[in-house]
Amino acid sequence: MTNIVDFFTQKDFVILGGAMGTELQRRGYKTKLPLWSASANEDAPELVEQIHTDYFNAGADLCITNTFRTTPRAYDKVGRKKDARDALNKSVEIALRAKEKAGRPVFCGGSYAPLEDCYEPDLVPSRQELEDEHGLICDWLKEAGVDFLIAETINDIEEAQVMAQSASNAGLPYIISFVVDSKANLLDGSALTDVLKVATLEECFAVSLNCRPIDVLDSAAHTLLENTDLAKGIYPNGFGKPHDDLGWEFENNDDSIEKFVQIALNWNKQGFKLIGGCCGTTPDYIRALSQTYQVQKQAA
C-alpha cells in the first residue's frame, strides 16, 4: 500500500475528515472538560468509530485519531493519569478499524495538541515538561500503529518547536498545524514565518492552519502559501463557537456548508492540497466538498 508521503505526492487534492469532539457532542455524547472527547474512546467506542466511518464514507482520505486529550496531563486532572495510554491505544484501535472498513486507500493520523489550552498560550508549560510529555505521546502513537503524526492547533512558537522535534525523534512523517489570527500570527504573537523556520523538520510533509473561523484562516492563508514549499493544508471551524465548559456551543454563524465548500475549492486552486474541517464541521461538510470537487473535476 502507498505510504502517506507518496499519497500526497500523487494527489492534487487530499480531503481530511471533520470534527470529532464537536460531532460527538452534536450526536448526544456529553463531552466535559478536561477530558472532553477522550472519554468517548472508553465508554462510546462504537460512536467514535461510526464518526470516523461517516467521514470516510463522505469522501475523506485521512482521519485523525481521537487523541486530542488522551494525555497523562489531562488524565491527571481527573485522578487517572495511569489510564492515559490505554485511552490513547483504544482511540488508535478505533480509527484503524474504520480505516480497514473504508475499502480504499485511506490513512490514520495520530493527533497530539498543546499540553494545556489551545487558545491560552500563557498556559504553556516549561520546556522540560514539553519535551518529556510530547516525546512520550509521539512514541505512544507510533507504537500504536498510526500512519503519520499530526501536531495540531498549536498556539506558541516554543511548543511548536518541541512538537516538531518530538515527531522527528519518533521517526514518523508528520503534519504540523497552527492556530493563527487574521494577520498570520500565532496566538502567542509569533509570526507564522518565524514558526515555520523551527517547526518544519525533515520528516514534515505538510503545514496547515486550523481551528479558526473560515474568514480568519482565509485572511492568513496567503502567508502560508508564500512561505513554504511543503504541501499546504487548512481546516477551519464550522457551525458554532468555543464554550468554556462544554468545549463547543452550537449556534448559527456565517460558516455554513455552502461557504465552506466555495472557499475551500478556492483554497485548492490557490495551492492548498489538504483541506478538511475542524470544530463544528460534520460529515455533511466533507461530503459536500468531495462531491462538488468531483463534479468540477469532471467538468474541467
Protein backbone atom coordinates (compact mmCIF):
# COMPACT_ATOMS: atom_id res chain seq x y z
CA MET A 1 0.00 0.00 0.00
CA THR A 2 1.18 3.53 -0.77
CA ASN A 3 2.55 5.39 2.24
CA ILE A 4 1.21 8.76 3.27
CA VAL A 5 4.05 10.82 1.78
CA ASP A 6 3.76 9.12 -1.62
CA PHE A 7 -0.01 9.52 -1.47
CA PHE A 8 0.39 13.26 -1.00
CA THR A 9 2.87 13.44 -3.86
CA GLN A 10 0.43 11.74 -6.20
CA LYS A 11 -2.59 13.88 -5.34
CA ASP A 12 -3.64 17.44 -6.16
CA PHE A 13 -6.33 17.39 -3.50
CA VAL A 14 -6.42 15.43 -0.23
CA ILE A 15 -9.52 15.57 1.96
CA LEU A 16 -9.21 15.48 5.72
CA GLY A 17 -12.17 14.46 7.85
CA GLY A 18 -14.03 16.93 10.02
CA ALA A 19 -14.50 17.42 13.75
CA MET A 20 -14.61 14.59 16.27
CA GLY A 21 -15.21 16.28 19.63
CA THR A 22 -17.99 18.58 18.50
CA GLU A 23 -19.51 15.81 16.40
CA LEU A 24 -19.68 13.57 19.47
CA GLN A 25 -21.44 16.41 21.24
CA ARG A 26 -23.81 17.03 18.33
CA ARG A 27 -24.79 13.35 18.36
CA GLY A 28 -25.69 13.49 22.03
CA TYR A 29 -22.49 12.45 23.78
CA LYS A 30 -21.81 14.58 26.86
CA THR A 31 -18.31 15.96 26.39
CA LYS A 32 -16.89 17.56 29.54
CA LEU A 33 -13.59 19.27 30.17
CA PRO A 34 -10.79 18.46 30.95
CA LEU A 35 -11.02 15.13 29.04
CA TRP A 36 -13.55 16.48 26.53
CA SER A 37 -13.75 13.88 23.73
CA ALA A 38 -11.19 11.47 25.20
CA SER A 39 -13.60 9.64 27.50
CA ALA A 40 -15.66 8.54 24.48
CA ASN A 41 -12.88 6.13 23.50
CA GLU A 42 -13.73 4.19 26.67
CA ASP A 43 -17.49 4.47 27.05
CA ALA A 44 -18.69 5.11 23.48
CA PRO A 45 -16.17 3.41 21.13
CA GLU A 46 -18.87 2.44 18.62
CA LEU A 47 -19.87 6.08 18.26
CA VAL A 48 -16.27 7.21 17.73
CA GLU A 49 -15.80 4.52 15.09
CA GLN A 50 -19.06 5.46 13.36
CA ILE A 51 -17.95 9.09 13.12
CA HIS A 52 -14.65 8.04 11.53
CA THR A 53 -16.57 5.78 9.14
CA ASP A 54 -19.02 8.54 8.27
CA TYR A 55 -16.14 10.84 7.31
CA PHE A 56 -14.54 8.16 5.14
CA ASN A 57 -17.91 7.47 3.50
CA ALA A 58 -18.29 11.20 2.90
CA GLY A 59 -15.02 11.23 0.93
CA ALA A 60 -12.23 11.85 3.46
CA ASP A 61 -8.81 10.43 2.65
CA LEU A 62 -7.43 10.95 6.15
CA CYS A 63 -8.83 10.56 9.63
CA ILE A 64 -7.36 11.89 12.86
CA THR A 65 -7.34 9.78 16.00
CA ASN A 66 -9.46 10.91 18.93
CA THR A 67 -6.33 11.53 20.99
CA PHE A 68 -6.57 15.28 21.45
CA ARG A 69 -6.77 14.82 25.24
CA THR A 70 -5.55 11.25 25.86
CA THR A 71 -2.51 12.65 27.65
CA PRO A 72 -1.10 11.95 31.12
CA ARG A 73 -1.55 15.65 31.92
CA ALA A 74 -5.26 15.65 31.06
CA TYR A 75 -5.97 12.34 32.81
CA ASP A 76 -4.05 13.50 35.88
CA LYS A 77 -6.63 16.28 36.25
CA VAL A 78 -9.29 13.64 36.92
CA GLY A 79 -7.02 11.44 39.05
CA ARG A 80 -6.48 8.82 36.33
CA LYS A 81 -3.01 9.53 34.97
CA LYS A 82 -2.16 5.84 34.64
CA ASP A 83 -5.12 5.34 32.26
CA ALA A 84 -3.92 7.80 29.62
CA ARG A 85 -2.02 5.33 27.48
CA ASP A 86 -4.87 2.82 27.43
CA ALA A 87 -7.22 5.59 26.28
CA LEU A 88 -4.78 6.59 23.54
CA ASN A 89 -4.36 3.00 22.38
CA LYS A 90 -8.12 2.48 22.27
CA SER A 91 -8.52 5.60 20.16
CA VAL A 92 -5.97 4.40 17.62
CA GLU A 93 -7.54 0.94 17.52
CA ILE A 94 -10.93 2.51 16.80
CA ALA A 95 -9.56 4.66 13.97
CA LEU A 96 -7.69 1.73 12.44
CA ARG A 97 -10.87 -0.36 12.43
CA ALA A 98 -12.62 2.38 10.48
CA LYS A 99 -9.66 2.59 8.13
CA GLU A 100 -9.81 -1.13 7.40
CA LYS A 101 -13.51 -0.89 6.53
CA ALA A 102 -13.06 2.04 4.14
CA GLY A 103 -12.49 -0.15 1.09
CA ARG A 104 -9.95 2.21 -0.48
CA PRO A 105 -6.56 3.72 0.40
CA VAL A 106 -7.08 5.94 3.44
CA PHE A 107 -4.74 6.95 6.26
CA CYS A 108 -4.86 7.40 10.01
CA GLY A 109 -3.01 10.30 11.65
CA GLY A 110 -2.08 10.35 15.33
CA SER A 111 -3.22 13.68 16.75
CA TYR A 112 -1.44 15.49 19.55
CA ALA A 113 -2.15 19.03 20.70
CA PRO A 114 -0.82 21.67 23.10
CA LEU A 115 -0.49 20.20 26.58
CA GLU A 116 -2.81 22.81 28.06
CA ASP A 117 -5.35 25.02 26.25
CA CYS A 118 -5.15 25.61 22.50
CA TYR A 119 -6.40 29.19 22.93
CA GLU A 120 -4.31 30.07 26.01
CA PRO A 121 -0.61 30.39 25.13
CA ASP A 122 0.06 31.80 28.61
CA LEU A 123 -0.53 28.30 29.99
CA VAL A 124 2.28 26.65 28.01
CA PRO A 125 4.38 24.53 30.43
CA SER A 126 8.16 24.62 30.84
CA ARG A 127 10.49 23.47 28.09
CA GLN A 128 11.39 20.32 30.01
CA GLU A 129 7.73 19.41 30.52
CA LEU A 130 7.05 19.98 26.83
CA GLU A 131 9.93 17.77 25.77
CA ASP A 132 9.10 14.97 28.21
CA GLU A 133 5.37 14.84 27.57
CA HIS A 134 5.24 15.41 23.81
CA GLY A 135 8.08 12.93 23.34
CA LEU A 136 6.15 10.31 25.29
CA ILE A 137 2.91 10.93 23.40
CA CYS A 138 4.60 10.67 19.99
CA ASP A 139 6.26 7.41 20.98
CA TRP A 140 2.92 6.02 22.17
CA LEU A 141 1.20 7.00 18.91
CA LYS A 142 3.94 5.42 16.84
CA GLU A 143 3.82 2.19 18.82
CA ALA A 144 0.02 2.13 18.47
CA GLY A 145 0.40 2.00 14.68
CA VAL A 146 -0.67 5.34 13.20
CA ASP A 147 0.38 6.14 9.62
CA PHE A 148 1.62 9.62 10.45
CA LEU A 149 1.59 12.19 13.23
CA ILE A 150 -0.36 15.44 13.19
CA ALA A 151 0.64 18.15 15.65
CA GLU A 152 -2.35 20.44 15.59
CA THR A 153 -3.95 23.59 16.97
CA ILE A 154 -0.57 24.98 18.10
CA ASN A 155 -0.55 28.49 19.59
CA ASP A 156 3.06 29.03 20.75
CA ILE A 157 6.40 29.01 18.96
CA GLU A 158 8.33 27.10 21.63
CA GLU A 159 5.70 24.38 21.88
CA ALA A 160 5.62 24.22 18.08
CA GLN A 161 9.37 23.61 18.02
CA VAL A 162 9.15 20.87 20.64
CA MET A 163 6.17 19.19 18.99
CA ALA A 164 8.03 19.11 15.68
CA GLN A 165 11.18 17.72 17.29
CA SER A 166 9.15 15.08 19.12
CA ALA A 167 7.63 13.89 15.85
CA SER A 168 11.06 13.85 14.24
CA ASN A 169 12.52 11.87 17.14
CA ALA A 170 9.72 9.33 16.79
CA GLY A 171 10.73 8.84 13.17
CA LEU A 172 7.29 9.25 11.62
CA PRO A 173 6.26 11.67 8.87
CA TYR A 174 4.22 14.50 10.31
CA ILE A 175 1.87 17.37 9.56
CA ILE A 176 2.06 20.45 11.75
CA SER A 177 -0.88 22.84 12.10
CA PHE A 178 -1.27 26.22 13.79
CA VAL A 179 -3.93 28.46 15.33
CA VAL A 180 -3.42 31.95 13.91
CA ASP A 181 -5.10 35.33 13.76
CA SER A 182 -6.06 37.08 10.54
CA LYS A 183 -2.52 38.50 10.25
CA ALA A 184 -0.98 35.01 10.37
CA ASN A 185 0.44 35.35 13.87
CA LEU A 186 0.16 32.54 16.37
CA LEU A 187 -1.81 33.38 19.49
CA ASP A 188 1.43 33.99 21.43
CA GLY A 189 2.20 36.77 18.94
CA SER A 190 4.84 34.87 16.97
CA ALA A 191 4.81 35.42 13.23
CA LEU A 192 3.97 32.30 11.26
CA THR A 193 7.01 32.95 9.08
CA ASP A 194 9.26 32.60 12.15
CA VAL A 195 7.47 29.48 13.40
CA LEU A 196 7.88 27.72 10.07
CA LYS A 197 11.66 28.03 10.38
CA VAL A 198 11.77 25.98 13.59
CA ALA A 199 8.82 23.60 13.14
CA THR A 200 9.28 22.11 9.65
CA LEU A 201 11.95 19.47 10.14
CA GLU A 202 12.93 16.80 7.64
CA GLU A 203 10.00 14.48 8.43
CA CYS A 204 7.42 17.25 7.96
CA PHE A 205 5.46 16.75 4.73
CA ALA A 206 2.67 19.30 5.18
CA VAL A 207 1.97 22.52 7.09
CA SER A 208 -1.53 23.60 7.99
CA LEU A 209 -3.77 26.16 9.68
CA ASN A 210 -6.78 25.05 11.72
CA CYS A 211 -9.45 25.69 14.35
CA ARG A 212 -10.40 29.25 13.44
CA PRO A 213 -13.38 30.73 11.56
CA ILE A 214 -13.25 30.49 7.79
CA ASP A 215 -12.66 34.22 7.24
CA VAL A 216 -9.77 34.34 9.72
CA LEU A 217 -7.96 31.49 8.00
CA ASP A 218 -8.74 32.91 4.59
CA SER A 219 -7.01 36.16 5.59
CA ALA A 220 -3.95 34.29 6.84
CA ALA A 221 -3.78 31.77 4.01
CA HIS A 222 -1.54 33.76 1.68
CA THR A 223 1.24 33.91 4.29
CA LEU A 224 1.43 30.13 4.43
CA LEU A 225 1.27 29.84 0.65
CA GLU A 226 4.16 32.25 0.21
CA ASN A 227 6.49 30.87 2.87
CA THR A 228 6.81 27.12 2.49
CA ASP A 229 7.43 24.67 -0.34
CA LEU A 230 5.81 21.85 1.62
CA ALA A 231 2.25 20.73 0.99
CA LYS A 232 -0.22 23.22 2.44
CA GLY A 233 -3.30 22.37 4.48
CA ILE A 234 -6.20 24.24 6.02
CA TYR A 235 -9.17 23.08 8.11
CA PRO A 236 -11.42 25.77 9.57
CA ASN A 237 -14.22 25.65 12.09
CA GLY A 238 -17.84 25.42 11.02
CA PHE A 239 -21.15 25.78 12.82
CA GLY A 240 -20.89 27.20 16.38
CA LYS A 241 -18.24 28.64 18.67
CA PRO A 242 -15.97 27.59 21.59
CA HIS A 243 -17.54 27.21 25.03
CA ASP A 244 -15.61 27.33 28.31
CA ASP A 245 -17.46 24.44 29.96
CA LEU A 246 -18.80 22.28 27.14
CA GLY A 247 -15.92 22.76 24.75
CA TRP A 248 -18.30 23.90 21.99
CA GLU A 249 -21.61 25.69 21.67
CA PHE A 250 -23.76 25.18 18.60
CA GLU A 251 -25.30 28.38 17.32
CA ASN A 252 -25.83 29.98 13.94
CA ASN A 253 -22.90 31.74 12.32
CA ASP A 254 -21.74 32.54 8.82
CA ASP A 255 -19.56 29.45 8.38
CA SER A 256 -22.14 27.38 6.54
CA ILE A 257 -21.52 24.32 4.40
CA GLU A 258 -22.04 26.37 1.25
CA LYS A 259 -19.48 28.98 2.29
CA PHE A 260 -17.03 26.29 3.37
CA VAL A 261 -17.19 24.49 0.03
CA GLN A 262 -16.88 27.67 -2.03
CA ILE A 263 -13.84 28.97 -0.15
CA ALA A 264 -12.26 25.52 0.24
CA LEU A 265 -12.27 24.94 -3.51
CA ASN A 266 -10.74 28.39 -4.00
CA TRP A 267 -8.04 27.47 -1.46
CA ASN A 268 -7.27 24.37 -3.52
CA LYS A 269 -6.92 26.47 -6.67
CA GLN A 270 -4.54 28.79 -4.81
CA GLY A 271 -2.29 25.89 -3.82
CA PHE A 272 -3.72 24.22 -0.72
CA LYS A 273 -3.62 20.45 -1.11
CA LEU A 274 -5.03 19.26 2.24
CA ILE A 275 -8.48 20.60 3.18
CA GLY A 276 -10.92 19.43 5.84
CA GLY A 277 -12.91 20.62 8.81
CA CYS A 278 -12.27 21.40 12.46
CA CYS A 279 -14.69 22.16 15.32
CA GLY A 280 -18.33 22.44 14.33
CA THR A 281 -17.94 20.72 10.95
CA THR A 282 -19.78 17.48 10.21
CA PRO A 283 -19.74 14.70 7.60
CA ASP A 284 -22.10 16.87 5.55
CA TYR A 285 -19.33 19.48 5.17
CA ILE A 286 -16.91 16.83 3.92
CA ARG A 287 -19.46 15.18 1.63
CA ALA A 288 -20.37 18.50 0.01
CA LEU A 289 -16.70 19.35 -0.50
CA SER A 290 -15.88 15.95 -2.01
CA GLN A 291 -18.90 15.83 -4.30
CA THR A 292 -18.52 19.40 -5.55
CA TYR A 293 -14.81 18.86 -6.21
CA GLN A 294 -15.55 15.71 -8.21
CA VAL A 295 -18.20 17.49 -10.30
CA GLN A 296 -15.84 20.37 -11.07
CA LYS A 297 -13.01 17.99 -11.89
CA GLN A 298 -15.16 16.03 -14.34
CA ALA A 299 -16.38 19.23 -15.97
CA ALA A 300 -12.88 20.63 -16.44
